[in-house]
Each structure stands twice: as C-alpha cells, then as structure tokens.
C-alpha cells in the first residue's frame, strides 16, 4: 500500500519524529511504499534542513514552515503534494496540530483511510501557562471533539490516554493502543551488574520540560557519591543555564553535560557504561529513553507523572520520586545504594521484562494489520 505519514519534525531531537522514521522504515520492509511529510525546521533550533531526503526506502519531503507559537505549533502547506501522491492510507502524528485538519480534508477528497497517532498530549497543564491551557481547552471543545470523530482510528501510545479521549467523545471501538517501539539493538544479552554503582546517566532531549536541574542538585548534594552524565540534543539557552548551575554548586568534578545527537550505537555504549538512568521530567507522553534504558537492564529512577507510573512499578522494576523534588531524588539514590547486588539484579531483570513489551518487531505487526484491515 502507499502510505503517507505526516509529522512536524523529521530532524533534531524529536521523539515523535523518531517514531515516524522508524515506523516508516519497518513498514517499507513489509512491502509498503512510504512517504513522510514534515516541516523543514530542525527541532530545538532555528536551523533549516534539506527539502528532500531519502532514508533507506523511505522518502522524506519537507515544506517551508512558520511557527505559530510554542515549540511545535506550526503551519506548513502540503495539500497539493498529498493529492498528487494519492496515498491509500494517511497516518498523522500529534493531536491538536494544524496538519491533522489539513490531512482530514485530503483523506475526504481521496476517500482513503486516515489514522491519528495522538502522542499523549493530555495531562500537561503543569508545562503550560494559564493562557495556553485555556487555548487547549477551547481547541478540544470547539475543534477536537468534532475532528476526532472523522479519523478511522485513533492510535494511542499509552493506556492512560483512553480516559481523556473518552471525555472528548471518542468511542472505545475507534481507539487502538500501539506504543512507540524499541529497536532490537537494545535487546542484546545483558551485562552483569556492577557491585559498586556510582554512574548515573540521563540520555535524551536537554530542554526545560526535562527538569534536569533537579538531577543536578541531587547529585551535587551527594558530593561525589555519584557521577552524572547528561547527554542529548540540547536547546542552547537551557544547556547554558544547566552549566551555570553546575558551576554554582561546584559540581564540575561529578557532572558533565554534552550536546549529542541521537545515535543508538552511542546511546547503548553510554548506557552500558552507566549503572542508573534518571528521568526527572516535569511531564512525559511515553518516556522512550526510559524504556530503552530498561531494555539495557539499567536501574531506572523517574519523577512521578502519568507516563512514568504506567511503566514503573516502584521498587519492582525501577524507582519513582516526587516530581521536581531534589531531596526526594537524593533519598531514592541513597536507597538504591543500600541494595544488595542480588536485589539490584532482580530489579534489572524486571526492567528488561517490562521493556520486552515495546519491541518494534511486535508492535509493527499490529500497525500493519490495522493498515491492511478492510474497515
């Protein structure tokens, strides 16, 4: 089948874009012809990328775009190109974005199936201003409730989204759960755990929503008991703020920050050299890098939010601490330090077992079946 995937970003540190790229590659391996439409903006910067690109058998076409507010709300026009492409199926990513409404009109003209992958934008009030939350509520009630009914399927990446979609009038029969997947390279044989655990890592996007100052303050307070490595594509101003904080608390000996693009081989190598993965985010949709760390058998520690609570069972396959509270994180780090090697290995194995649920090779089968279904 000819499939068109539409998302905001296909360059930079974008979790949604990473899913789209991997999903598209796997769909081509199953015999589909896949094209991706996106903006020509590199996420996290003002840089622009090439208008056309090919990754494997996947064609990427990018369009001149204009940001309309926030990090990802934007406008780019792809109607003519989509009508010329004549896809059999359109998959649009991220609820509440303008390209969703454009895609619905295109699907109606072409009489093709259209799916929306929501990417868990709900329960994020803490990360928005009062006026932004007001706009979100207006969108849901004036536009969302009507537009959601027009998609053939609504694909959630978490279980907890179903509650919010139900409030917006979406029938449970229309909802499919297909989370982001984890690549096979993360599931090689686990290495033995270290007796002395000292190395903590965060690998992911370095942006304010990740609340990395909490982790920096916690490691600083422990005065050399642990080291912390923060790596990932960064927003320059935020990275500068974090480096200033490290200087302020005089923790340069224990904490390093590196702007790093997403390369799985480097990520796996860095994880394997570490003992603990920390995710201090204010809010998350589906914490991809957390699950990847669990696949590598790391002891994982995350701030309490809807996303982390869906993945982590406290003290069974990881640990949870009070969101934004560095003292709470200090307490958890001390608790992990007191565990025996046997206890840590039990938690590491349970983490790997949970991550098995997210293997791409299984997830893509479900999406392929949905695409091929007659209704």
Foldseek 3Di string as FASTA:
>chain_A
DEEEEEEADCAAFDPQNVLVVVLQVVVVVVPYQYEYEYAQAHQLDRDGHDQWDDDPRYTYGHFHWDADDDRGAIDGDCLVVCLVSLGQEYEYEAPPHPVLVSVLVSCVVSVHAYEYEHLAPPPPVVVDDPVVVVVVVCCLVVPVLVSVVSHQAYEYQAPVCVVVVVVSVDDPVRYHYQHRFDEPVLQDDADAADQQAAEEEEEGEQDVQQVCVLVLVLVLVVPRSHAYEYEEAYNVVSVVVSVVSCVVSVPVVRYDYYHDYDDPVVLLVVLNVHAEYEGQGPDHRAPVVQLSSLSNLHAYEYEDDPRVVRQDDDLQQHHYFHRPHSVRVNVVVVVVSPDGSVSSNRNSVVSSVSSVVRHPVVSSVVVVCVNPDPD
